[in-house]
PDB file of N, CA and C in Angstrom:
ATOM      1  N   MET A   1      37.601 -58.352 -13.290  1.00  0.00           N
ATOM      2  CA  MET A   1      37.408 -59.600 -13.991  1.00  0.00           C
ATOM      3  C   MET A   1      35.989 -59.631 -14.504  1.00  0.00           C
ATOM      4  N   ALA A   2      35.836 -60.239 -15.677  1.00  0.00           N
ATOM      5  CA  ALA A   2      34.518 -60.352 -16.284  1.00  0.00           C
ATOM      6  C   ALA A   2      34.629 -61.234 -17.514  1.00  0.00           C
ATOM      7  N   CYS A   3      33.530 -61.360 -18.214  1.00  0.00           N
ATOM      8  CA  CYS A   3      33.535 -62.048 -19.497  1.00  0.00           C
ATOM      9  C   CYS A   3      34.207 -61.136 -20.519  1.00  0.00           C
ATOM     10  N   GLY A   4      35.232 -61.652 -21.172  1.00  0.00           N
ATOM     11  CA  GLY A   4      35.946 -60.850 -22.153  1.00  0.00           C
ATOM     12  C   GLY A   4      35.059 -60.383 -23.288  1.00  0.00           C
ATOM     13  N   GLU A   5      34.201 -61.276 -23.785  1.00  0.00           N
ATOM     14  CA  GLU A   5      33.345 -60.928 -24.908  1.00  0.00           C
ATOM     15  C   GLU A   5      32.187 -60.018 -24.479  1.00  0.00           C
ATOM     16  N   CYS A   6      31.495 -60.374 -23.389  1.00  0.00           N
ATOM     17  CA  CYS A   6      30.292 -59.646 -22.969  1.00  0.00           C
ATOM     18  C   CYS A   6      30.589 -58.273 -22.354  1.00  0.00           C
ATOM     19  N   GLN A   7      31.623 -58.177 -21.539  1.00  0.00           N
ATOM     20  CA  GLN A   7      31.882 -56.936 -20.804  1.00  0.00           C
ATOM     21  C   GLN A   7      33.047 -56.122 -21.353  1.00  0.00           C
ATOM     22  N   PHE A   8      34.083 -56.771 -21.850  1.00  0.00           N
ATOM     23  CA  PHE A   8      35.270 -56.052 -22.320  1.00  0.00           C
ATOM     24  C   PHE A   8      35.324 -55.937 -23.841  1.00  0.00           C
ATOM     25  N   LYS A   9      34.293 -56.480 -24.533  1.00  0.00           N
ATOM     26  CA  LYS A   9      34.180 -56.382 -26.000  1.00  0.00           C
ATOM     27  C   LYS A   9      35.395 -56.952 -26.733  1.00  0.00           C
ATOM     28  N   MET A  10      35.946 -58.035 -26.199  1.00  0.00           N
ATOM     29  CA  MET A  10      37.078 -58.717 -26.824  1.00  0.00           C
ATOM     30  C   MET A  10      36.555 -59.694 -27.877  1.00  0.00           C
ATOM     31  N   ASN A  11      37.359 -59.988 -28.862  1.00  0.00           N
ATOM     32  CA  ASN A  11      36.990 -60.983 -29.873  1.00  0.00           C
ATOM     33  C   ASN A  11      37.254 -62.365 -29.323  1.00  0.00           C
ATOM     34  N   GLY A  12      36.267 -63.235 -29.439  1.00  0.00           N
ATOM     35  CA  GLY A  12      36.414 -64.598 -28.978  1.00  0.00           C
ATOM     36  C   GLY A  12      35.214 -65.416 -29.384  1.00  0.00           C
ATOM     37  N   LYS A  13      35.220 -66.667 -28.995  1.00  0.00           N
ATOM     38  CA  LYS A  13      34.128 -67.587 -29.315  1.00  0.00           C
ATOM     39  C   LYS A  13      33.481 -68.030 -28.016  1.00  0.00           C
ATOM     40  N   GLY A  14      32.321 -67.521 -27.714  1.00  0.00           N
ATOM     41  CA  GLY A  14      31.637 -67.869 -26.480  1.00  0.00           C
ATOM     42  C   GLY A  14      32.062 -66.949 -25.351  1.00  0.00           C
ATOM     43  N   CYS A  15      31.769 -67.362 -24.143  1.00  0.00           N
ATOM     44  CA  CYS A  15      32.075 -66.552 -22.961  1.00  0.00           C
ATOM     45  C   CYS A  15      33.355 -67.068 -22.308  1.00  0.00           C
ATOM     46  N   ASN A  16      34.330 -66.177 -22.157  1.00  0.00           N
ATOM     47  CA  ASN A  16      35.622 -66.551 -21.589  1.00  0.00           C
ATOM     48  C   ASN A  16      36.066 -65.534 -20.551  1.00  0.00           C
ATOM     49  N   LEU A  17      36.655 -66.028 -19.489  1.00  0.00           N
ATOM     50  CA  LEU A  17      37.134 -65.180 -18.409  1.00  0.00           C
ATOM     51  C   LEU A  17      38.251 -64.270 -18.891  1.00  0.00           C
ATOM     52  N   ALA A  18      38.167 -63.010 -18.485  1.00  0.00           N
ATOM     53  CA  ALA A  18      39.189 -62.034 -18.854  1.00  0.00           C
ATOM     54  C   ALA A  18      39.430 -61.099 -17.684  1.00  0.00           C
ATOM     55  N   ILE A  19      40.543 -60.425 -17.757  1.00  0.00           N
ATOM     56  CA  ILE A  19      40.936 -59.474 -16.725  1.00  0.00           C
ATOM     57  C   ILE A  19      41.410 -58.202 -17.410  1.00  0.00           C
ATOM     58  N   ARG A  20      41.171 -57.075 -16.769  1.00  0.00           N
ATOM     59  CA  ARG A  20      41.644 -55.797 -17.300  1.00  0.00           C
ATOM     60  C   ARG A  20      42.684 -55.243 -16.337  1.00  0.00           C
ATOM     61  N   ILE A  21      43.876 -54.994 -16.875  1.00  0.00           N
ATOM     62  CA  ILE A  21      44.982 -54.454 -16.088  1.00  0.00           C
ATOM     63  C   ILE A  21      45.461 -53.189 -16.778  1.00  0.00           C
ATOM     64  N   ASP A  22      45.474 -52.081 -16.047  1.00  0.00           N
ATOM     65  CA  ASP A  22      45.918 -50.797 -16.595  1.00  0.00           C
ATOM     66  C   ASP A  22      45.238 -50.473 -17.916  1.00  0.00           C
ATOM     67  N   GLY A  23      43.936 -50.749 -18.006  1.00  0.00           N
ATOM     68  CA  GLY A  23      43.152 -50.400 -19.176  1.00  0.00           C
ATOM     69  C   GLY A  23      43.255 -51.375 -20.345  1.00  0.00           C
ATOM     70  N   LYS A  24      44.037 -52.438 -20.215  1.00  0.00           N
ATOM     71  CA  LYS A  24      44.172 -53.427 -21.282  1.00  0.00           C
ATOM     72  C   LYS A  24      43.584 -54.755 -20.816  1.00  0.00           C
ATOM     73  N   SER A  25      42.827 -55.403 -21.694  1.00  0.00           N
ATOM     74  CA  SER A  25      42.150 -56.653 -21.356  1.00  0.00           C
ATOM     75  C   SER A  25      42.931 -57.855 -21.871  1.00  0.00           C
ATOM     76  N   TYR A  26      42.921 -58.916 -21.051  1.00  0.00           N
ATOM     77  CA  TYR A  26      43.611 -60.163 -21.371  1.00  0.00           C
ATOM     78  C   TYR A  26      42.704 -61.334 -21.019  1.00  0.00           C
ATOM     79  N   PHE A  27      42.669 -62.339 -21.885  1.00  0.00           N
ATOM     80  CA  PHE A  27      42.000 -63.573 -21.507  1.00  0.00           C
ATOM     81  C   PHE A  27      42.833 -64.266 -20.442  1.00  0.00           C
ATOM     82  N   VAL A  28      42.159 -65.000 -19.540  1.00  0.00           N
ATOM     83  CA  VAL A  28      42.805 -65.684 -18.432  1.00  0.00           C
ATOM     84  C   VAL A  28      42.936 -67.169 -18.772  1.00  0.00           C
ATOM     85  N   ASP A  29      44.131 -67.705 -18.624  1.00  0.00           N
ATOM     86  CA  ASP A  29      44.371 -69.129 -18.841  1.00  0.00           C
ATOM     87  C   ASP A  29      44.392 -69.857 -17.502  1.00  0.00           C
ATOM     88  N   GLY A  30      43.856 -71.082 -17.488  1.00  0.00           N
ATOM     89  CA  GLY A  30      43.923 -71.908 -16.292  1.00  0.00           C
ATOM     90  C   GLY A  30      42.728 -71.774 -15.370  1.00  0.00           C
ATOM     91  N   LYS A  31      41.831 -70.853 -15.649  1.00  0.00           N
ATOM     92  CA  LYS A  31      40.596 -70.697 -14.869  1.00  0.00           C
ATOM     93  C   LYS A  31      39.445 -70.555 -15.846  1.00  0.00           C
ATOM     94  N   ASP A  32      38.288 -71.212 -15.497  1.00  0.00           N
ATOM     95  CA  ASP A  32      37.092 -71.133 -16.320  1.00  0.00           C
ATOM     96  C   ASP A  32      36.204 -70.021 -15.812  1.00  0.00           C
ATOM     97  N   ILE A  33      35.458 -69.442 -16.699  1.00  0.00           N
ATOM     98  CA  ILE A  33      34.569 -68.348 -16.305  1.00  0.00           C
ATOM     99  C   ILE A  33      33.568 -68.791 -15.236  1.00  0.00           C
ATOM    100  N   ASP A  34      33.172 -70.065 -15.218  1.00  0.00           N
ATOM    101  CA  ASP A  34      32.216 -70.555 -14.224  1.00  0.00           C
ATOM    102  C   ASP A  34      32.873 -71.061 -12.941  1.00  0.00           C
ATOM    103  N   ASP A  35      34.194 -70.966 -12.824  1.00  0.00           N
ATOM    104  CA  ASP A  35      34.872 -71.364 -11.588  1.00  0.00           C
ATOM    105  C   ASP A  35      34.472 -70.472 -10.414  1.00  0.00           C
ATOM    106  N   PHE A  36      33.920 -69.312 -10.694  1.00  0.00           N
ATOM    107  CA  PHE A  36      33.574 -68.346  -9.649  1.00  0.00           C
ATOM    108  C   PHE A  36      32.060 -68.204  -9.492  1.00  0.00           C
ATOM    109  N   GLY A  37      31.306 -69.135 -10.044  1.00  0.00           N
ATOM    110  CA  GLY A  37      29.844 -69.077  -9.998  1.00  0.00           C
ATOM    111  C   GLY A  37      29.289 -69.029 -11.411  1.00  0.00           C
ATOM    112  N   ASP A  38      27.976 -68.971 -11.518  1.00  0.00           N
ATOM    113  CA  ASP A  38      27.303 -68.963 -12.820  1.00  0.00           C
ATOM    114  C   ASP A  38      27.574 -67.640 -13.537  1.00  0.00           C
ATOM    115  N   ALA A  39      28.268 -67.729 -14.644  1.00  0.00           N
ATOM    116  CA  ALA A  39      28.635 -66.521 -15.395  1.00  0.00           C
ATOM    117  C   ALA A  39      27.416 -65.758 -15.898  1.00  0.00           C
ATOM    118  N   HIS A  40      26.276 -66.455 -16.070  1.00  0.00           N
ATOM    119  CA  HIS A  40      25.090 -65.798 -16.610  1.00  0.00           C
ATOM    120  C   HIS A  40      24.081 -65.390 -15.536  1.00  0.00           C
ATOM    121  N   ALA A  41      24.447 -65.526 -14.268  1.00  0.00           N
ATOM    122  CA  ALA A  41      23.599 -65.024 -13.182  1.00  0.00           C
ATOM    123  C   ALA A  41      23.607 -63.488 -13.214  1.00  0.00           C
ATOM    124  N   ASP A  42      22.680 -62.883 -12.508  1.00  0.00           N
ATOM    125  CA  ASP A  42      22.607 -61.409 -12.496  1.00  0.00           C
ATOM    126  C   ASP A  42      23.922 -60.770 -12.071  1.00  0.00           C
ATOM    127  N   ASP A  43      24.632 -61.415 -11.143  1.00  0.00           N
ATOM    128  CA  ASP A  43      25.909 -60.865 -10.678  1.00  0.00           C
ATOM    129  C   ASP A  43      27.098 -61.639 -11.262  1.00  0.00           C
ATOM    130  N   GLY A  44      26.845 -62.449 -12.291  1.00  0.00           N
ATOM    131  CA  GLY A  44      27.896 -63.230 -12.939  1.00  0.00           C
ATOM    132  C   GLY A  44      28.751 -62.390 -13.873  1.00  0.00           C
ATOM    133  N   PHE A  45      29.850 -62.974 -14.318  1.00  0.00           N
ATOM    134  CA  PHE A  45      30.833 -62.248 -15.116  1.00  0.00           C
ATOM    135  C   PHE A  45      30.317 -61.788 -16.475  1.00  0.00           C
ATOM    136  N   CYS A  46      29.268 -62.395 -17.006  1.00  0.00           N
ATOM    137  CA  CYS A  46      28.725 -61.930 -18.286  1.00  0.00           C
ATOM    138  C   CYS A  46      27.864 -60.686 -18.116  1.00  0.00           C
ATOM    139  N   ASN A  47      27.425 -60.428 -16.887  1.00  0.00           N
ATOM    140  CA  ASN A  47      26.548 -59.283 -16.613  1.00  0.00           C
ATOM    141  C   ASN A  47      27.165 -58.243 -15.703  1.00  0.00           C
ATOM    142  N   HIS A  48      28.365 -58.500 -15.207  1.00  0.00           N
ATOM    143  CA  HIS A  48      28.926 -57.638 -14.169  1.00  0.00           C
ATOM    144  C   HIS A  48      30.454 -57.737 -14.178  1.00  0.00           C
ATOM    145  N   ILE A  49      31.121 -56.621 -13.999  1.00  0.00           N
ATOM    146  CA  ILE A  49      32.573 -56.598 -13.846  1.00  0.00           C
ATOM    147  C   ILE A  49      32.889 -56.606 -12.359  1.00  0.00           C
ATOM    148  N   SER A  50      33.742 -57.525 -11.932  1.00  0.00           N
ATOM    149  CA  SER A  50      34.129 -57.631 -10.525  1.00  0.00           C
ATOM    150  C   SER A  50      35.589 -57.249 -10.351  1.00  0.00           C
ATOM    151  N   LYS A  51      35.892 -56.641  -9.212  1.00  0.00           N
ATOM    152  CA  LYS A  51      37.278 -56.326  -8.876  1.00  0.00           C
ATOM    153  C   LYS A  51      37.908 -57.541  -8.210  1.00  0.00           C
ATOM    154  N   ALA A  52      39.209 -57.702  -8.448  1.00  0.00           N
ATOM    155  CA  ALA A  52      39.918 -58.838  -7.872  1.00  0.00           C
ATOM    156  C   ALA A  52      41.365 -58.461  -7.603  1.00  0.00           C
ATOM    157  N   LEU A  53      41.944 -59.112  -6.619  1.00  0.00           N
ATOM    158  CA  LEU A  53      43.386 -59.041  -6.404  1.00  0.00           C
ATOM    159  C   LEU A  53      43.975 -60.253  -7.101  1.00  0.00           C
ATOM    160  N   VAL A  54      44.942 -60.004  -7.951  1.00  0.00           N
ATOM    161  CA  VAL A  54      45.515 -61.100  -8.725  1.00  0.00           C
ATOM    162  C   VAL A  54      47.031 -61.046  -8.691  1.00  0.00           C
ATOM    163  N   SER A  55      47.626 -62.209  -8.917  1.00  0.00           N
ATOM    164  CA  SER A  55      49.061 -62.276  -9.171  1.00  0.00           C
ATOM    165  C   SER A  55      49.244 -63.265 -10.306  1.00  0.00           C
ATOM    166  N   GLY A  56      50.289 -63.077 -11.057  1.00  0.00           N
ATOM    167  CA  GLY A  56      50.556 -63.932 -12.193  1.00  0.00           C
ATOM    168  C   GLY A  56      51.388 -63.191 -13.220  1.00  0.00           C
ATOM    169  N   GLU A  57      51.392 -63.712 -14.430  1.00  0.00           N
ATOM    170  CA  GLU A  57      52.196 -63.139 -15.498  1.00  0.00           C
ATOM    171  C   GLU A  57      51.375 -62.988 -16.767  1.00  0.00           C
ATOM    172  N   ILE A  58      51.739 -62.014 -17.565  1.00  0.00           N
ATOM    173  CA  ILE A  58      51.187 -61.881 -18.905  1.00  0.00           C
ATOM    174  C   ILE A  58      52.199 -62.516 -19.849  1.00  0.00           C
ATOM    175  N   ILE A  59      51.761 -63.581 -20.528  1.00  0.00           N
ATOM    176  CA  ILE A  59      52.612 -64.317 -21.455  1.00  0.00           C
ATOM    177  C   ILE A  59      51.853 -64.453 -22.773  1.00  0.00           C
ATOM    178  N   ASN A  60      52.486 -64.030 -23.854  1.00  0.00           N
ATOM    179  CA  ASN A  60      51.850 -64.091 -25.182  1.00  0.00           C
ATOM    180  C   ASN A  60      50.479 -63.431 -25.187  1.00  0.00           C
ATOM    181  N   ASN A  61      50.381 -62.276 -24.535  1.00  0.00           N
ATOM    182  CA  ASN A  61      49.168 -61.459 -24.501  1.00  0.00           C
ATOM    183  C   ASN A  61      47.991 -62.160 -23.798  1.00  0.00           C
ATOM    184  N   ARG A  62      48.297 -63.102 -22.886  1.00  0.00           N
ATOM    185  CA  ARG A  62      47.288 -63.775 -22.078  1.00  0.00           C
ATOM    186  C   ARG A  62      47.762 -63.766 -20.624  1.00  0.00           C
ATOM    187  N   PHE A  63      46.811 -63.708 -19.686  1.00  0.00           N
ATOM    188  CA  PHE A  63      47.153 -63.663 -18.273  1.00  0.00           C
ATOM    189  C   PHE A  63      47.188 -65.067 -17.698  1.00  0.00           C
ATOM    190  N   LYS A  64      48.311 -65.430 -17.099  1.00  0.00           N
ATOM    191  CA  LYS A  64      48.510 -66.730 -16.457  1.00  0.00           C
ATOM    192  C   LYS A  64      48.520 -66.490 -14.941  1.00  0.00           C
ATOM    193  N   PRO A  65      47.398 -66.725 -14.259  1.00  0.00           N
ATOM    194  CA  PRO A  65      47.321 -66.404 -12.836  1.00  0.00           C
ATOM    195  C   PRO A  65      48.006 -67.426 -11.940  1.00  0.00           C
ATOM    196  N   THR A  66      48.572 -66.937 -10.842  1.00  0.00           N
ATOM    197  CA  THR A  66      49.013 -67.824  -9.773  1.00  0.00           C
ATOM    198  C   THR A  66      48.030 -67.725  -8.609  1.00  0.00           C
ATOM    199  N   GLU A  67      47.331 -66.585  -8.526  1.00  0.00           N
ATOM    200  CA  GLU A  67      46.310 -66.403  -7.488  1.00  0.00           C
ATOM    201  C   GLU A  67      45.280 -65.386  -7.952  1.00  0.00           C
ATOM    202  N   ILE A  68      44.015 -65.670  -7.646  1.00  0.00           N
ATOM    203  CA  ILE A  68      42.916 -64.752  -7.919  1.00  0.00           C
ATOM    204  C   ILE A  68      42.043 -64.707  -6.679  1.00  0.00           C
ATOM    205  N   LYS A  69      41.805 -63.516  -6.175  1.00  0.00           N
ATOM    206  CA  LYS A  69      40.915 -63.339  -5.015  1.00  0.00           C
ATOM    207  C   LYS A  69      39.904 -62.256  -5.373  1.00  0.00           C
ATOM    208  N   LEU A  70      38.646 -62.667  -5.520  1.00  0.00           N
ATOM    209  CA  LEU A  70      37.587 -61.690  -5.822  1.00  0.00           C
ATOM    210  C   LEU A  70      37.340 -60.821  -4.609  1.00  0.00           C
ATOM    211  N   LEU A  71      37.121 -59.544  -4.849  1.00  0.00           N
ATOM    212  CA  LEU A  71      36.808 -58.609  -3.780  1.00  0.00           C
ATOM    213  C   LEU A  71      35.295 -58.468  -3.674  1.00  0.00           C
ATOM    214  N   LYS A  72      34.800 -58.292  -2.473  1.00  0.00           N
ATOM    215  CA  LYS A  72      33.358 -58.086  -2.271  1.00  0.00           C
ATOM    216  C   LYS A  72      32.966 -56.735  -2.839  1.00  0.00           C
ATOM    217  N   ASN A  73      31.850 -56.713  -3.573  1.00  0.00           N
ATOM    218  CA  ASN A  73      31.351 -55.445  -4.117  1.00  0.00           C
ATOM    219  C   ASN A  73      30.614 -54.693  -3.025  1.00  0.00           C
ATOM    220  N   LYS A  74      30.902 -53.405  -2.933  1.00  0.00           N
ATOM    221  CA  LYS A  74      30.214 -52.563  -1.949  1.00  0.00           C
ATOM    222  C   LYS A  74      28.878 -52.147  -2.539  1.00  0.00           C
ATOM    223  N   LYS A  75      27.851 -52.207  -1.733  1.00  0.00           N
ATOM    224  CA  LYS A  75      26.511 -51.837  -2.199  1.00  0.00           C
ATOM    225  C   LYS A  75      26.200 -50.416  -1.830  1.00  0.00           C
TER     226      LYS A  75
END
């Protein structure tokens, strides 16, 4: 998970939460990029790609999550 525009080079307006599944990126509906902390912090989604366990569906080329659990990054 990361910012679609900043990290995944997706076309959009501003910073929006996105997820990459099997090498393809999708914007996430129902969750804001700042729901997981400040997107512009050093470890935020605009500056860093985070791994997550997710469930949901891809509908109309967008990801509709039912659950998102960020994984801790190993240092």
